Amino acid sequence: MEDKRKDGGLKLANRIKRDKRKARTKRRFRYSFLTVILIICLAQMSVSALLNISKIIDYHIKLAKLESKQIAAEARNSELKKDIKNFSTTATMESIARNNLKMAGKDEVLVIVNKHEETKKNQKHGKIRLKNNEKNND
């Protein structure tokens, strides 16, 4: 009978060892699975952090560019306001109009000198010949 107990006891001991091994492998599998999931989550978080940092850097660069444009626009505005104050008088407006429209004021003589390129263009179109003919007729 003792042999039967020993055999039965061995079977029971083997069964217990087998169950413990199964439990250990299940536990290892769970831990391995959770470790893989944790690594994937950490990788996702690190990639997201890097992308956010690059976006922040891009936004700072854009902000700096916009601030410089704003400063330039404000400087241009102040120059234009000064010009408005300067050009609000009639004398300055009249002098600008005379310069741009090539007009002469009272008691002034206006002399227009053509540049070499302008005379060549005018000769092609016959404008100089007319002026010379008009001078000869006078």
N, C-alpha and C. Protein backbone atom coordinates (compact mmCIF):
# COMPACT_ATOMS: atom_id res chain seq x y z
N MET A 1 0.79 -1.19 0.00
CA MET A 1 0.00 0.00 0.00
C MET A 1 0.83 1.26 0.00
N GLU A 2 1.92 1.14 0.60
CA GLU A 2 2.79 2.29 0.64
C GLU A 2 3.24 2.66 -0.76
N ASP A 3 3.37 1.63 -1.63
CA ASP A 3 3.77 1.92 -3.00
C ASP A 3 2.69 2.73 -3.71
N LYS A 4 1.45 2.37 -3.40
CA LYS A 4 0.36 3.10 -4.03
C LYS A 4 0.34 4.54 -3.57
N ARG A 5 0.62 4.73 -2.28
CA ARG A 5 0.63 6.09 -1.76
C ARG A 5 1.78 6.89 -2.39
N LYS A 6 2.90 6.23 -2.54
CA LYS A 6 4.04 6.92 -3.12
C LYS A 6 3.74 7.30 -4.56
N ASP A 7 3.15 6.38 -5.29
CA ASP A 7 2.82 6.68 -6.68
C ASP A 7 1.75 7.77 -6.75
N GLY A 8 0.75 7.66 -5.90
CA GLY A 8 -0.31 8.67 -5.87
C GLY A 8 0.23 10.01 -5.40
N GLY A 9 1.15 9.95 -4.44
CA GLY A 9 1.76 11.17 -3.94
C GLY A 9 2.65 11.82 -4.99
N LEU A 10 3.33 11.00 -5.77
CA LEU A 10 4.18 11.53 -6.83
C LEU A 10 3.33 12.19 -7.92
N LYS A 11 2.22 11.54 -8.22
CA LYS A 11 1.34 12.11 -9.24
C LYS A 11 0.78 13.44 -8.76
N LEU A 12 0.41 13.47 -7.50
CA LEU A 12 -0.13 14.70 -6.94
C LEU A 12 0.94 15.80 -6.91
N ALA A 13 2.14 15.43 -6.54
CA ALA A 13 3.25 16.40 -6.50
C ALA A 13 3.57 16.89 -7.91
N ASN A 14 3.56 15.99 -8.89
CA ASN A 14 3.80 16.39 -10.28
C ASN A 14 2.70 17.32 -10.78
N ARG A 15 1.48 17.01 -10.39
CA ARG A 15 0.36 17.83 -10.81
C ARG A 15 0.47 19.24 -10.20
N ILE A 16 0.87 19.28 -8.95
CA ILE A 16 1.03 20.58 -8.27
C ILE A 16 2.15 21.39 -8.94
N LYS A 17 3.26 20.72 -9.25
CA LYS A 17 4.37 21.40 -9.93
C LYS A 17 3.94 21.93 -11.30
N ARG A 18 3.18 21.08 -12.01
CA ARG A 18 2.69 21.48 -13.33
C ARG A 18 1.77 22.69 -13.22
N ASP A 19 0.89 22.67 -12.24
CA ASP A 19 -0.03 23.79 -12.04
C ASP A 19 0.73 25.08 -11.69
N LYS A 20 1.78 24.91 -10.86
CA LYS A 20 2.59 26.07 -10.49
C LYS A 20 3.31 26.63 -11.71
N ARG A 21 3.83 25.74 -12.57
CA ARG A 21 4.51 26.19 -13.79
C ARG A 21 3.54 26.93 -14.71
N LYS A 22 2.32 26.39 -14.83
CA LYS A 22 1.31 27.04 -15.67
C LYS A 22 0.98 28.43 -15.11
N ALA A 23 0.85 28.48 -13.80
CA ALA A 23 0.54 29.77 -13.17
C ALA A 23 1.69 30.75 -13.39
N ARG A 24 2.95 30.26 -13.28
CA ARG A 24 4.11 31.12 -13.50
C ARG A 24 4.16 31.61 -14.95
N THR A 25 3.90 30.71 -15.89
CA THR A 25 3.93 31.12 -17.30
C THR A 25 2.81 32.12 -17.60
N LYS A 26 1.63 31.91 -17.01
CA LYS A 26 0.53 32.87 -17.20
C LYS A 26 0.91 34.23 -16.64
N ARG A 27 1.51 34.21 -15.45
CA ARG A 27 1.93 35.45 -14.81
C ARG A 27 3.01 36.14 -15.64
N ARG A 28 3.98 35.39 -16.15
CA ARG A 28 5.04 35.95 -17.00
C ARG A 28 4.45 36.53 -18.28
N PHE A 29 3.51 35.81 -18.87
CA PHE A 29 2.87 36.30 -20.08
C PHE A 29 2.15 37.62 -19.81
N ARG A 30 1.41 37.67 -18.69
CA ARG A 30 0.70 38.91 -18.34
C ARG A 30 1.68 40.06 -18.15
N TYR A 31 2.74 39.80 -17.40
CA TYR A 31 3.74 40.84 -17.16
C TYR A 31 4.42 41.27 -18.46
N SER A 32 4.72 40.31 -19.31
CA SER A 32 5.35 40.63 -20.60
C SER A 32 4.40 41.47 -21.46
N PHE A 33 3.15 41.06 -21.49
CA PHE A 33 2.14 41.78 -22.26
C PHE A 33 1.99 43.21 -21.73
N LEU A 34 1.89 43.36 -20.42
CA LEU A 34 1.77 44.69 -19.83
C LEU A 34 3.03 45.53 -20.08
N THR A 35 4.19 44.89 -20.08
CA THR A 35 5.44 45.60 -20.35
C THR A 35 5.45 46.12 -21.79
N VAL A 36 5.03 45.31 -22.73
CA VAL A 36 4.97 45.73 -24.14
C VAL A 36 4.01 46.90 -24.29
N ILE A 37 2.85 46.81 -23.66
CA ILE A 37 1.87 47.90 -23.74
C ILE A 37 2.45 49.17 -23.13
N LEU A 38 3.13 49.04 -22.00
CA LEU A 38 3.75 50.19 -21.35
C LEU A 38 4.82 50.82 -22.24
N ILE A 39 5.62 50.02 -22.89
CA ILE A 39 6.66 50.53 -23.80
C ILE A 39 6.03 51.27 -24.97
N ILE A 40 4.95 50.71 -25.52
CA ILE A 40 4.25 51.38 -26.63
C ILE A 40 3.70 52.72 -26.17
N CYS A 41 3.11 52.76 -24.98
CA CYS A 41 2.57 54.02 -24.45
C CYS A 41 3.68 55.05 -24.24
N LEU A 42 4.80 54.62 -23.70
CA LEU A 42 5.92 55.53 -23.49
C LEU A 42 6.47 56.06 -24.82
N ALA A 43 6.54 55.19 -25.81
CA ALA A 43 7.01 55.63 -27.13
C ALA A 43 6.05 56.67 -27.72
N GLN A 44 4.75 56.42 -27.58
CA GLN A 44 3.75 57.36 -28.09
C GLN A 44 3.86 58.71 -27.38
N MET A 45 4.03 58.66 -26.07
CA MET A 45 4.15 59.90 -25.30
C MET A 45 5.41 60.68 -25.69
N SER A 46 6.51 59.98 -25.90
CA SER A 46 7.75 60.67 -26.26
C SER A 46 7.66 61.28 -27.66
N VAL A 47 7.04 60.57 -28.60
CA VAL A 47 6.87 61.12 -29.95
C VAL A 47 5.96 62.35 -29.89
N SER A 48 4.88 62.27 -29.12
CA SER A 48 3.98 63.41 -28.99
C SER A 48 4.69 64.61 -28.37
N ALA A 49 5.51 64.35 -27.36
CA ALA A 49 6.26 65.43 -26.72
C ALA A 49 7.22 66.09 -27.71
N LEU A 50 7.91 65.29 -28.50
CA LEU A 50 8.84 65.85 -29.49
C LEU A 50 8.10 66.69 -30.54
N LEU A 51 6.95 66.19 -30.99
CA LEU A 51 6.18 66.95 -31.98
C LEU A 51 5.68 68.26 -31.39
N ASN A 52 5.24 68.23 -30.14
CA ASN A 52 4.77 69.46 -29.50
C ASN A 52 5.91 70.46 -29.32
N ILE A 53 7.08 69.97 -28.98
CA ILE A 53 8.22 70.86 -28.82
C ILE A 53 8.58 71.50 -30.16
N SER A 54 8.55 70.72 -31.23
CA SER A 54 8.86 71.29 -32.55
C SER A 54 7.80 72.32 -32.96
N LYS A 55 6.54 72.07 -32.63
CA LYS A 55 5.49 73.05 -32.93
C LYS A 55 5.71 74.33 -32.14
N ILE A 56 6.10 74.19 -30.89
CA ILE A 56 6.35 75.36 -30.06
C ILE A 56 7.48 76.19 -30.65
N ILE A 57 8.53 75.53 -31.10
CA ILE A 57 9.66 76.24 -31.71
C ILE A 57 9.21 76.96 -32.98
N ASP A 58 8.42 76.28 -33.81
CA ASP A 58 7.91 76.91 -35.03
C ASP A 58 7.06 78.14 -34.71
N TYR A 59 6.21 78.02 -33.69
CA TYR A 59 5.36 79.14 -33.31
C TYR A 59 6.18 80.31 -32.78
N HIS A 60 7.25 80.03 -32.06
CA HIS A 60 8.11 81.11 -31.58
C HIS A 60 8.79 81.82 -32.75
N ILE A 61 9.21 81.06 -33.75
CA ILE A 61 9.83 81.67 -34.93
C ILE A 61 8.82 82.54 -35.67
N LYS A 62 7.60 82.02 -35.86
CA LYS A 62 6.57 82.80 -36.54
C LYS A 62 6.23 84.06 -35.75
N LEU A 63 6.18 83.92 -34.43
CA LEU A 63 5.88 85.07 -33.58
C LEU A 63 6.95 86.14 -33.70
N ALA A 64 8.21 85.72 -33.74
CA ALA A 64 9.30 86.69 -33.89
C ALA A 64 9.21 87.41 -35.23
N LYS A 65 8.90 86.66 -36.30
CA LYS A 65 8.76 87.29 -37.62
C LYS A 65 7.61 88.29 -37.63
N LEU A 66 6.48 87.90 -37.03
CA LEU A 66 5.33 88.80 -37.00
C LEU A 66 5.61 90.05 -36.17
N GLU A 67 6.34 89.88 -35.07
CA GLU A 67 6.69 91.04 -34.26
C GLU A 67 7.59 92.00 -35.03
N SER A 68 8.54 91.45 -35.79
CA SER A 68 9.42 92.33 -36.58
C SER A 68 8.61 93.04 -37.67
N LYS A 69 7.65 92.33 -38.28
CA LYS A 69 6.80 92.97 -39.29
C LYS A 69 5.95 94.07 -38.66
N GLN A 70 5.48 93.81 -37.44
CA GLN A 70 4.67 94.81 -36.75
C GLN A 70 5.49 96.05 -36.44
N ILE A 71 6.72 95.86 -35.99
CA ILE A 71 7.59 97.00 -35.70
C ILE A 71 7.85 97.81 -36.97
N ALA A 72 8.10 97.10 -38.09
CA ALA A 72 8.33 97.78 -39.36
C ALA A 72 7.08 98.55 -39.80
N ALA A 73 5.91 97.95 -39.62
CA ALA A 73 4.66 98.60 -40.01
C ALA A 73 4.40 99.83 -39.14
N GLU A 74 4.70 99.74 -37.85
CA GLU A 74 4.52 100.89 -36.98
C GLU A 74 5.47 102.02 -37.36
N ALA A 75 6.71 101.67 -37.73
CA ALA A 75 7.66 102.69 -38.17
C ALA A 75 7.17 103.36 -39.45
N ARG A 76 6.67 102.55 -40.37
CA ARG A 76 6.13 103.08 -41.63
C ARG A 76 4.93 103.99 -41.36
N ASN A 77 4.07 103.59 -40.42
CA ASN A 77 2.91 104.41 -40.06
C ASN A 77 3.35 105.76 -39.52
N SER A 78 4.36 105.74 -38.65
CA SER A 78 4.82 107.02 -38.09
C SER A 78 5.42 107.90 -39.18
N GLU A 79 6.15 107.31 -40.14
CA GLU A 79 6.70 108.08 -41.25
C GLU A 79 5.57 108.68 -42.10
N LEU A 80 4.55 107.88 -42.36
CA LEU A 80 3.43 108.38 -43.16
C LEU A 80 2.68 109.50 -42.43
N LYS A 81 2.55 109.38 -41.12
CA LYS A 81 1.89 110.44 -40.35
C LYS A 81 2.70 111.73 -40.41
N LYS A 82 4.04 111.59 -40.33
CA LYS A 82 4.89 112.78 -40.46
C LYS A 82 4.74 113.39 -41.85
N ASP A 83 4.68 112.53 -42.87
CA ASP A 83 4.51 113.03 -44.24
C ASP A 83 3.19 113.76 -44.40
N ILE A 84 2.15 113.23 -43.78
CA ILE A 84 0.83 113.88 -43.86
C ILE A 84 0.91 115.27 -43.23
N LYS A 85 1.59 115.36 -42.09
CA LYS A 85 1.73 116.67 -41.45
C LYS A 85 2.54 117.62 -42.32
N ASN A 86 3.60 117.09 -42.95
CA ASN A 86 4.44 117.93 -43.80
C ASN A 86 3.73 118.36 -45.08
N PHE A 87 2.94 117.48 -45.66
CA PHE A 87 2.30 117.76 -46.94
C PHE A 87 0.96 118.46 -46.79
N SER A 88 0.56 118.74 -45.58
CA SER A 88 -0.75 119.36 -45.40
C SER A 88 -0.73 120.84 -45.77
N THR A 89 0.44 121.43 -45.85
CA THR A 89 0.49 122.85 -46.24
C THR A 89 0.36 122.97 -47.75
N THR A 90 -0.17 124.10 -48.19
CA THR A 90 -0.40 124.29 -49.62
C THR A 90 0.89 124.44 -50.40
N ALA A 91 1.88 125.03 -49.80
CA ALA A 91 3.14 125.25 -50.52
C ALA A 91 3.81 123.92 -50.84
N THR A 92 3.82 123.01 -49.90
CA THR A 92 4.46 121.72 -50.17
C THR A 92 3.66 120.92 -51.19
N MET A 93 2.33 120.99 -51.09
CA MET A 93 1.51 120.28 -52.08
C MET A 93 1.74 120.84 -53.47
N GLU A 94 1.86 122.16 -53.55
CA GLU A 94 2.09 122.80 -54.85
C GLU A 94 3.46 122.42 -55.41
N SER A 95 4.47 122.37 -54.57
CA SER A 95 5.81 122.01 -55.06
C SER A 95 5.85 120.54 -55.50
N ILE A 96 5.15 119.67 -54.80
CA ILE A 96 5.09 118.26 -55.21
C ILE A 96 4.36 118.13 -56.53
N ALA A 97 3.26 118.83 -56.68
CA ALA A 97 2.51 118.77 -57.94
C ALA A 97 3.35 119.30 -59.09
N ARG A 98 4.09 120.39 -58.86
CA ARG A 98 4.94 120.93 -59.93
C ARG A 98 6.04 119.95 -60.31
N ASN A 99 6.63 119.30 -59.34
CA ASN A 99 7.71 118.34 -59.64
C ASN A 99 7.18 117.12 -60.37
N ASN A 100 6.05 116.60 -59.93
CA ASN A 100 5.51 115.38 -60.54
C ASN A 100 4.88 115.63 -61.90
N LEU A 101 4.21 116.75 -62.05
CA LEU A 101 3.51 117.03 -63.31
C LEU A 101 4.33 117.91 -64.25
N LYS A 102 5.54 118.28 -63.83
CA LYS A 102 6.44 119.10 -64.65
C LYS A 102 5.77 120.42 -65.04
N MET A 103 5.27 121.10 -64.03
CA MET A 103 4.61 122.39 -64.25
C MET A 103 5.51 123.50 -63.70
N ALA A 104 5.36 124.67 -64.22
CA ALA A 104 6.13 125.82 -63.75
C ALA A 104 5.21 126.74 -62.96
N GLY A 105 5.77 127.32 -61.93
CA GLY A 105 5.01 128.27 -61.12
C GLY A 105 5.08 129.66 -61.71
N LYS A 106 4.55 130.65 -60.98
CA LYS A 106 4.59 132.04 -61.44
C LYS A 106 6.04 132.50 -61.46
N ASP A 107 6.39 133.22 -62.48
CA ASP A 107 7.74 133.77 -62.65
C ASP A 107 8.81 132.69 -62.68
N GLU A 108 8.48 131.53 -63.19
CA GLU A 108 9.45 130.43 -63.31
C GLU A 108 9.50 129.96 -64.75
N VAL A 109 10.67 129.47 -65.15
CA VAL A 109 10.84 128.88 -66.48
C VAL A 109 11.23 127.43 -66.27
N LEU A 110 10.53 126.53 -66.94
CA LEU A 110 10.78 125.10 -66.78
C LEU A 110 11.56 124.60 -67.98
N VAL A 111 12.72 123.99 -67.73
CA VAL A 111 13.55 123.44 -68.80
C VAL A 111 13.60 121.94 -68.60
N ILE A 112 13.18 121.17 -69.61
CA ILE A 112 13.20 119.71 -69.53
C ILE A 112 14.31 119.20 -70.43
N VAL A 113 15.21 118.43 -69.86
CA VAL A 113 16.34 117.88 -70.61
C VAL A 113 16.10 116.39 -70.77
N ASN A 114 16.05 115.93 -72.03
CA ASN A 114 15.86 114.51 -72.29
C ASN A 114 17.16 113.77 -72.08
N LYS A 115 17.05 112.60 -71.58
CA LYS A 115 18.23 111.74 -71.44
C LYS A 115 18.52 111.10 -72.78
N HIS A 116 19.70 110.55 -72.94
CA HIS A 116 20.13 109.96 -74.20
C HIS A 116 19.20 108.83 -74.63
N GLU A 117 18.76 107.98 -73.70
CA GLU A 117 17.87 106.87 -74.03
C GLU A 117 16.51 107.37 -74.49
N GLU A 118 16.02 108.42 -73.84
CA GLU A 118 14.71 108.96 -74.21
C GLU A 118 14.74 109.55 -75.61
N THR A 119 15.85 110.18 -75.98
CA THR A 119 15.93 110.77 -77.32
C THR A 119 15.95 109.69 -78.39
N LYS A 120 16.63 108.57 -78.11
CA LYS A 120 16.62 107.47 -79.08
C LYS A 120 15.22 106.92 -79.28
N LYS A 121 14.49 106.77 -78.18
CA LYS A 121 13.11 106.27 -78.28
C LYS A 121 12.25 107.25 -79.06
N ASN A 122 12.43 108.52 -78.77
CA ASN A 122 11.63 109.54 -79.44
C ASN A 122 11.97 109.63 -80.93
N GLN A 123 13.23 109.40 -81.30
CA GLN A 123 13.61 109.43 -82.71
C GLN A 123 12.95 108.29 -83.46
N LYS A 124 12.82 107.16 -82.82
CA LYS A 124 12.16 106.03 -83.49
C LYS A 124 10.71 106.35 -83.79
N HIS A 125 10.09 107.09 -82.89
CA HIS A 125 8.68 107.39 -83.07
C HIS A 125 8.44 108.69 -83.84
N GLY A 126 9.48 109.40 -84.19
CA GLY A 126 9.33 110.61 -84.99
C GLY A 126 8.99 111.84 -84.20
N LYS A 127 9.10 111.81 -82.90
CA LYS A 127 8.73 112.97 -82.10
C LYS A 127 9.78 114.07 -82.20
N ILE A 128 11.04 113.71 -82.28
CA ILE A 128 12.11 114.72 -82.37
C ILE A 128 12.02 115.46 -83.70
N ARG A 129 11.71 114.77 -84.75
CA ARG A 129 11.63 115.40 -86.07
C ARG A 129 10.56 116.47 -86.09
N LEU A 130 9.44 116.18 -85.42
CA LEU A 130 8.38 117.18 -85.37
C LEU A 130 8.86 118.41 -84.62
N LYS A 131 9.57 118.21 -83.54
CA LYS A 131 10.04 119.35 -82.76
C LYS A 131 11.04 120.16 -83.58
N ASN A 132 11.91 119.48 -84.30
CA ASN A 132 12.88 120.19 -85.13
C ASN A 132 12.18 120.94 -86.26
N ASN A 133 11.17 120.32 -86.85
CA ASN A 133 10.42 120.98 -87.91
C ASN A 133 9.69 122.20 -87.38
N GLU A 134 9.18 122.10 -86.17
CA GLU A 134 8.48 123.23 -85.58
C GLU A 134 9.45 124.38 -85.33
N LYS A 135 10.68 124.05 -84.92
CA LYS A 135 11.67 125.09 -84.66
C LYS A 135 12.07 125.79 -85.96
N ASN A 136 12.18 125.01 -87.04
CA ASN A 136 12.56 125.59 -88.33
C ASN A 136 11.46 126.51 -88.87
N ASN A 137 10.21 126.16 -88.62
CA ASN A 137 9.09 126.96 -89.10
C ASN A 137 8.99 128.28 -88.35
N ASP A 138 9.47 128.32 -87.13
CA ASP A 138 9.36 129.55 -86.33
C ASP A 138 10.34 130.52 -86.84
